[in-house]
Amino acid sequence: TNYFTIYPREVTVTFELDDKVYDGGTEATCAEVHFDNVVEGEGFTLDTSTIAFATGDALVGEDKPVTVSGFEPENVVPVDDGTRKADYTFTLGEPPSVTVTAKSIGPVSADPADPEGPLVPAAGFVISQLEPLVYDGQAQEPEVAVTNGTTGLVKDTDYTVTYGDNTNATEEAYAVITGIGNYEGSFTNYFTI
């Protein structure tokens, strides 16, 4: 009798992540797990609820590298009785990446059933109402405050403000709030002089 060794097959585990809209957090969500180099007809699954996926920062960007923590080969499970886990070894492949896109401040329809109706900031955003002002011969530029949930946005970092028709007495003076950096879109806020 002549004995020989059959070594376990090396399988590379990689993760495909869902792209996300900026939310101020670094967490990413797994969309799919791939097992590369598995024998045809055999397969594995992995519960990703114990695995953390995180970017280095929360900022908007394309193909941002993601750190994977909590992956344990013992959590890999065969999909059927015909697959023997002992025939394989599992290692992490290339780190995944995620694209974080800017969050829109609006505008959106106040009533989704009436897209031609009044416009409001996107869900979660509050843009301060501008109080009426008195004509003084100068361009009027009232302060605008923008919040996203409980987070106050910073003018010239998260948004810019431009004004129009804001010198003479009118009911149609306006401020255009435009998202920048992690935010996009624009919303027009009217005020009276």
C-alpha atoms as a PDB file:
ATOM      1  CA  THR A   1       0.000   0.000   0.000  1.00  0.00           C
ATOM      2  CA  ASN A   2       1.308   3.391  -0.979  1.00  0.00           C
ATOM      3  CA  TYR A   3      -0.259   6.347   0.837  1.00  0.00           C
ATOM      4  CA  PHE A   4      -0.482   9.873  -0.473  1.00  0.00           C
ATOM      5  CA  THR A   5      -1.870  13.141   0.849  1.00  0.00           C
ATOM      6  CA  ILE A   6      -4.793  15.118  -0.506  1.00  0.00           C
ATOM      7  CA  TYR A   7      -4.514  18.659   0.721  1.00  0.00           C
ATOM      8  CA  PRO A   8      -7.580  20.814   1.377  1.00  0.00           C
ATOM      9  CA  ARG A   9      -8.551  23.080  -1.492  1.00  0.00           C
ATOM     10  CA  GLU A  10      -7.845  26.757  -0.841  1.00  0.00           C
ATOM     11  CA  VAL A  11     -10.919  28.928  -1.205  1.00  0.00           C
ATOM     12  CA  THR A  12     -10.822  32.704  -1.325  1.00  0.00           C
ATOM     13  CA  VAL A  13     -13.763  34.470   0.291  1.00  0.00           C
ATOM     14  CA  THR A  14     -14.664  37.903  -1.077  1.00  0.00           C
ATOM     15  CA  PHE A  15     -17.509  40.278  -0.335  1.00  0.00           C
ATOM     16  CA  GLU A  16     -19.585  42.461  -2.630  1.00  0.00           C
ATOM     17  CA  LEU A  17     -21.001  45.472  -0.807  1.00  0.00           C
ATOM     18  CA  ASP A  18     -24.027  47.672  -1.436  1.00  0.00           C
ATOM     19  CA  ASP A  19     -23.138  51.208  -2.473  1.00  0.00           C
ATOM     20  CA  LYS A  20     -24.673  53.765  -0.160  1.00  0.00           C
ATOM     21  CA  VAL A  21     -25.861  57.331   0.131  1.00  0.00           C
ATOM     22  CA  TYR A  22     -23.926  59.498   2.598  1.00  0.00           C
ATOM     23  CA  ASP A  23     -25.305  58.957   6.120  1.00  0.00           C
ATOM     24  CA  GLY A  24     -22.459  60.229   8.285  1.00  0.00           C
ATOM     25  CA  GLY A  25     -21.418  56.686   9.233  1.00  0.00           C
ATOM     26  CA  THR A  26     -18.610  54.398   8.114  1.00  0.00           C
ATOM     27  CA  GLU A  27     -20.608  51.157   8.107  1.00  0.00           C
ATOM     28  CA  ALA A  28     -21.168  49.285   4.856  1.00  0.00           C
ATOM     29  CA  THR A  29     -23.624  46.464   4.098  1.00  0.00           C
ATOM     30  CA  CYS A  30     -22.769  43.146   2.478  1.00  0.00           C
ATOM     31  CA  ALA A  31     -24.765  42.316  -0.648  1.00  0.00           C
ATOM     32  CA  GLU A  32     -23.130  39.006  -1.597  1.00  0.00           C
ATOM     33  CA  VAL A  33     -20.438  36.584  -0.456  1.00  0.00           C
ATOM     34  CA  HIS A  34     -18.322  34.880  -3.117  1.00  0.00           C
ATOM     35  CA  PHE A  35     -16.392  31.637  -2.623  1.00  0.00           C
ATOM     36  CA  ASP A  36     -13.750  31.307  -5.354  1.00  0.00           C
ATOM     37  CA  ASN A  37     -12.163  27.944  -6.250  1.00  0.00           C
ATOM     38  CA  VAL A  38     -14.923  25.640  -4.939  1.00  0.00           C
ATOM     39  CA  VAL A  39     -15.354  22.310  -6.737  1.00  0.00           C
ATOM     40  CA  GLU A  40     -18.285  22.384  -9.169  1.00  0.00           C
ATOM     41  CA  GLY A  41     -21.488  21.136  -7.565  1.00  0.00           C
ATOM     42  CA  GLU A  42     -20.378  22.053  -4.059  1.00  0.00           C
ATOM     43  CA  GLY A  43     -20.982  25.307  -2.237  1.00  0.00           C
ATOM     44  CA  PHE A  44     -20.868  27.283   0.954  1.00  0.00           C
ATOM     45  CA  THR A  45     -22.733  30.057   2.704  1.00  0.00           C
ATOM     46  CA  LEU A  46     -21.768  32.534   5.392  1.00  0.00           C
ATOM     47  CA  ASP A  47     -23.894  34.509   7.839  1.00  0.00           C
ATOM     48  CA  THR A  48     -22.461  38.043   7.577  1.00  0.00           C
ATOM     49  CA  SER A  49     -24.359  39.408  10.603  1.00  0.00           C
ATOM     50  CA  THR A  50     -21.268  38.945  12.789  1.00  0.00           C
ATOM     51  CA  ILE A  51     -18.930  40.587  10.261  1.00  0.00           C
ATOM     52  CA  ALA A  52     -18.292  44.329  10.310  1.00  0.00           C
ATOM     53  CA  PHE A  53     -17.572  46.284   7.136  1.00  0.00           C
ATOM     54  CA  ALA A  54     -16.273  49.842   7.571  1.00  0.00           C
ATOM     55  CA  THR A  55     -14.711  52.574   5.469  1.00  0.00           C
ATOM     56  CA  GLY A  56     -11.884  54.681   6.877  1.00  0.00           C
ATOM     57  CA  ASP A  57     -14.113  57.757   6.934  1.00  0.00           C
ATOM     58  CA  ALA A  58     -17.733  58.682   6.302  1.00  0.00           C
ATOM     59  CA  LEU A  59     -17.090  61.017   3.353  1.00  0.00           C
ATOM     60  CA  VAL A  60     -18.434  60.750  -0.186  1.00  0.00           C
ATOM     61  CA  GLY A  61     -16.143  58.882  -2.594  1.00  0.00           C
ATOM     62  CA  GLU A  62     -15.893  56.171  -5.242  1.00  0.00           C
ATOM     63  CA  ASP A  63     -14.439  52.716  -4.631  1.00  0.00           C
ATOM     64  CA  LYS A  64     -13.538  53.469  -1.027  1.00  0.00           C
ATOM     65  CA  PRO A  65     -11.574  50.619   0.572  1.00  0.00           C
ATOM     66  CA  VAL A  66     -13.427  48.756   3.297  1.00  0.00           C
ATOM     67  CA  THR A  67     -11.982  46.956   6.319  1.00  0.00           C
ATOM     68  CA  VAL A  68     -13.498  43.560   7.091  1.00  0.00           C
ATOM     69  CA  SER A  69     -13.461  42.437  10.722  1.00  0.00           C
ATOM     70  CA  GLY A  70     -15.047  39.476  12.428  1.00  0.00           C
ATOM     71  CA  PHE A  71     -14.610  36.971   9.576  1.00  0.00           C
ATOM     72  CA  GLU A  72     -14.006  33.497  11.019  1.00  0.00           C
ATOM     73  CA  PRO A  73     -13.522  30.475   8.691  1.00  0.00           C
ATOM     74  CA  GLU A  74     -15.402  28.293  11.183  1.00  0.00           C
ATOM     75  CA  ASN A  75     -18.558  30.318  10.384  1.00  0.00           C
ATOM     76  CA  VAL A  76     -18.531  29.087   6.776  1.00  0.00           C
ATOM     77  CA  VAL A  77     -21.265  26.472   6.314  1.00  0.00           C
ATOM     78  CA  PRO A  78     -21.721  23.918   3.490  1.00  0.00           C
ATOM     79  CA  VAL A  79     -24.955  24.428   1.531  1.00  0.00           C
ATOM     80  CA  ASP A  80     -25.685  20.686   1.377  1.00  0.00           C
ATOM     81  CA  ASP A  81     -24.697  17.323   2.915  1.00  0.00           C
ATOM     82  CA  GLY A  82     -22.504  16.450  -0.086  1.00  0.00           C
ATOM     83  CA  THR A  83     -20.004  19.225   0.630  1.00  0.00           C
ATOM     84  CA  ARG A  84     -17.329  18.461   3.227  1.00  0.00           C
ATOM     85  CA  LYS A  85     -15.956  21.537   4.914  1.00  0.00           C
ATOM     86  CA  ALA A  86     -12.816  19.615   5.913  1.00  0.00           C
ATOM     87  CA  ASP A  87     -11.877  19.436   2.204  1.00  0.00           C
ATOM     88  CA  TYR A  88     -11.374  23.218   2.112  1.00  0.00           C
ATOM     89  CA  THR A  89      -9.496  26.059   3.761  1.00  0.00           C
ATOM     90  CA  PHE A  90     -10.892  29.588   3.693  1.00  0.00           C
ATOM     91  CA  THR A  91      -9.005  32.867   3.503  1.00  0.00           C
ATOM     92  CA  LEU A  92     -10.094  36.438   2.849  1.00  0.00           C
ATOM     93  CA  GLY A  93      -9.484  37.773  -0.624  1.00  0.00           C
ATOM     94  CA  GLU A  94      -8.983  41.357  -1.716  1.00  0.00           C
ATOM     95  CA  PRO A  95     -10.674  43.901   0.547  1.00  0.00           C
ATOM     96  CA  PRO A  96     -14.028  45.059  -0.787  1.00  0.00           C
ATOM     97  CA  SER A  97     -14.845  48.617  -1.720  1.00  0.00           C
ATOM     98  CA  VAL A  98     -17.936  50.782  -1.616  1.00  0.00           C
ATOM     99  CA  THR A  99     -19.060  53.952  -3.334  1.00  0.00           C
ATOM    100  CA  VAL A 100     -20.637  56.593  -1.095  1.00  0.00           C
ATOM    101  CA  THR A 101     -22.733  59.129  -3.006  1.00  0.00           C
ATOM    102  CA  ALA A 102     -23.873  62.570  -1.877  1.00  0.00           C
ATOM    103  CA  LYS A 103     -27.189  62.870  -0.044  1.00  0.00           C
ATOM    104  CA  SER A 104     -29.731  65.120  -1.741  1.00  0.00           C
ATOM    105  CA  ILE A 105     -31.198  68.009   0.209  1.00  0.00           C
ATOM    106  CA  GLY A 106     -34.065  68.226  -2.258  1.00  0.00           C
ATOM    107  CA  PRO A 107     -36.338  69.481  -3.507  1.00  0.00           C
ATOM    108  CA  VAL A 108     -39.004  66.807  -3.483  1.00  0.00           C
ATOM    109  CA  SER A 109     -42.746  66.998  -3.948  1.00  0.00           C
ATOM    110  CA  ALA A 110     -44.653  67.628  -0.719  1.00  0.00           C
ATOM    111  CA  ASP A 111     -47.176  65.065  -1.955  1.00  0.00           C
ATOM    112  CA  PRO A 112     -45.729  62.139  -3.966  1.00  0.00           C
ATOM    113  CA  ALA A 113     -49.166  61.688  -5.575  1.00  0.00           C
ATOM    114  CA  ASP A 114     -48.939  65.277  -6.903  1.00  0.00           C
ATOM    115  CA  PRO A 115     -45.475  65.792  -8.435  1.00  0.00           C
ATOM    116  CA  GLU A 116     -46.536  69.227  -9.725  1.00  0.00           C
ATOM    117  CA  GLY A 117     -47.486  70.404  -6.235  1.00  0.00           C
ATOM    118  CA  PRO A 118     -45.403  72.395  -3.746  1.00  0.00           C
ATOM    119  CA  LEU A 119     -41.782  71.404  -3.189  1.00  0.00           C
ATOM    120  CA  VAL A 120     -40.137  70.749   0.169  1.00  0.00           C
ATOM    121  CA  PRO A 121     -36.642  69.734   1.344  1.00  0.00           C
ATOM    122  CA  ALA A 122     -35.836  66.007   1.117  1.00  0.00           C
ATOM    123  CA  ALA A 123     -36.834  63.752   4.022  1.00  0.00           C
ATOM    124  CA  GLY A 124     -34.828  64.437   7.154  1.00  0.00           C
ATOM    125  CA  PHE A 125     -33.788  67.952   6.132  1.00  0.00           C
ATOM    126  CA  VAL A 126     -35.046  71.141   7.725  1.00  0.00           C
ATOM    127  CA  ILE A 127     -34.238  74.500   6.147  1.00  0.00           C
ATOM    128  CA  SER A 128     -35.052  77.507   8.288  1.00  0.00           C
ATOM    129  CA  GLN A 129     -37.940  79.712   7.250  1.00  0.00           C
ATOM    130  CA  LEU A 130     -36.781  83.231   6.409  1.00  0.00           C
ATOM    131  CA  GLU A 131     -38.549  86.022   8.282  1.00  0.00           C
ATOM    132  CA  PRO A 132     -39.849  89.073   6.368  1.00  0.00           C
ATOM    133  CA  LEU A 133     -37.402  91.969   6.202  1.00  0.00           C
ATOM    134  CA  VAL A 134     -37.824  95.736   5.751  1.00  0.00           C
ATOM    135  CA  TYR A 135     -36.450  97.478   2.651  1.00  0.00           C
ATOM    136  CA  ASP A 136     -33.207  99.348   3.440  1.00  0.00           C
ATOM    137  CA  GLY A 137     -31.743  99.962  -0.031  1.00  0.00           C
ATOM    138  CA  GLN A 138     -29.155  97.176   0.418  1.00  0.00           C
ATOM    139  CA  ALA A 139     -29.096  93.553  -0.729  1.00  0.00           C
ATOM    140  CA  GLN A 140     -30.714  91.505   2.052  1.00  0.00           C
ATOM    141  CA  GLU A 141     -29.044  88.185   2.923  1.00  0.00           C
ATOM    142  CA  PRO A 142     -30.761  86.578   5.911  1.00  0.00           C
ATOM    143  CA  GLU A 143     -28.970  83.692   7.615  1.00  0.00           C
ATOM    144  CA  VAL A 144     -30.084  80.229   6.538  1.00  0.00           C
ATOM    145  CA  ALA A 145     -29.823  77.218   8.841  1.00  0.00           C
ATOM    146  CA  VAL A 146     -29.925  73.658   7.495  1.00  0.00           C
ATOM    147  CA  THR A 147     -30.182  70.468   9.550  1.00  0.00           C
ATOM    148  CA  ASN A 148     -30.161  66.814   8.560  1.00  0.00           C
ATOM    149  CA  GLY A 149     -31.947  65.025  11.374  1.00  0.00           C
ATOM    150  CA  THR A 150     -30.205  66.291  14.499  1.00  0.00           C
ATOM    151  CA  THR A 151     -27.024  67.296  12.652  1.00  0.00           C
ATOM    152  CA  GLY A 152     -26.569  70.954  11.803  1.00  0.00           C
ATOM    153  CA  LEU A 153     -24.949  71.431   8.406  1.00  0.00           C
ATOM    154  CA  VAL A 154     -22.105  73.918   8.008  1.00  0.00           C
ATOM    155  CA  LYS A 155     -22.384  76.721   5.470  1.00  0.00           C
ATOM    156  CA  ASP A 156     -19.596  76.640   2.836  1.00  0.00           C
ATOM    157  CA  THR A 157     -18.676  73.083   3.921  1.00  0.00           C
ATOM    158  CA  ASP A 158     -21.987  71.258   3.436  1.00  0.00           C
ATOM    159  CA  TYR A 159     -23.937  73.872   1.480  1.00  0.00           C
ATOM    160  CA  THR A 160     -23.709  77.285  -0.137  1.00  0.00           C
ATOM    161  CA  VAL A 161     -26.310  80.047  -0.254  1.00  0.00           C
ATOM    162  CA  THR A 162     -26.895  82.445  -3.141  1.00  0.00           C
ATOM    163  CA  TYR A 163     -29.507  85.181  -3.100  1.00  0.00           C
ATOM    164  CA  GLY A 164     -31.673  86.755  -5.788  1.00  0.00           C
ATOM    165  CA  ASP A 165     -34.207  89.587  -6.121  1.00  0.00           C
ATOM    166  CA  ASN A 166     -33.158  90.568  -2.608  1.00  0.00           C
ATOM    167  CA  THR A 167     -32.743  94.378  -2.739  1.00  0.00           C
ATOM    168  CA  ASN A 168     -36.129  95.962  -3.477  1.00  0.00           C
ATOM    169  CA  ALA A 169     -39.500  95.432  -1.795  1.00  0.00           C
ATOM    170  CA  THR A 170     -40.888  92.132  -3.071  1.00  0.00           C
ATOM    171  CA  GLU A 171     -42.574  88.941  -1.984  1.00  0.00           C
ATOM    172  CA  GLU A 172     -40.242  86.913  -4.199  1.00  0.00           C
ATOM    173  CA  ALA A 173     -36.765  87.484  -2.759  1.00  0.00           C
ATOM    174  CA  TYR A 174     -35.041  84.130  -2.511  1.00  0.00           C
ATOM    175  CA  ALA A 175     -32.122  82.169  -1.162  1.00  0.00           C
ATOM    176  CA  VAL A 176     -30.898  79.101  -3.067  1.00  0.00           C
ATOM    177  CA  ILE A 177     -29.353  76.503  -0.774  1.00  0.00           C
ATOM    178  CA  THR A 178     -27.077  74.144  -2.739  1.00  0.00           C
ATOM    179  CA  GLY A 179     -25.525  71.018  -1.276  1.00  0.00           C
ATOM    180  CA  ILE A 180     -21.749  70.558  -1.606  1.00  0.00           C
ATOM    181  CA  GLY A 181     -19.288  67.944  -0.357  1.00  0.00           C
ATOM    182  CA  ASN A 182     -21.375  65.140   1.141  1.00  0.00           C
ATOM    183  CA  TYR A 183     -24.611  66.761  -0.047  1.00  0.00           C
ATOM    184  CA  GLU A 184     -26.125  67.570  -3.422  1.00  0.00           C
ATOM    185  CA  GLY A 185     -29.241  69.151  -4.863  1.00  0.00           C
ATOM    186  CA  SER A 186     -30.642  72.573  -4.176  1.00  0.00           C
ATOM    187  CA  PHE A 187     -33.671  74.125  -2.586  1.00  0.00           C
ATOM    188  CA  THR A 188     -35.065  77.637  -3.046  1.00  0.00           C
ATOM    189  CA  ASN A 189     -36.368  79.391   0.050  1.00  0.00           C
ATOM    190  CA  TYR A 190     -38.456  82.562  -0.580  1.00  0.00           C
ATOM    191  CA  PHE A 191     -38.751  85.564   1.706  1.00  0.00           C
ATOM    192  CA  THR A 192     -40.409  88.989   1.706  1.00  0.00           C
ATOM    193  CA  ILE A 193     -38.794  92.402   1.764  1.00  0.00           C
END
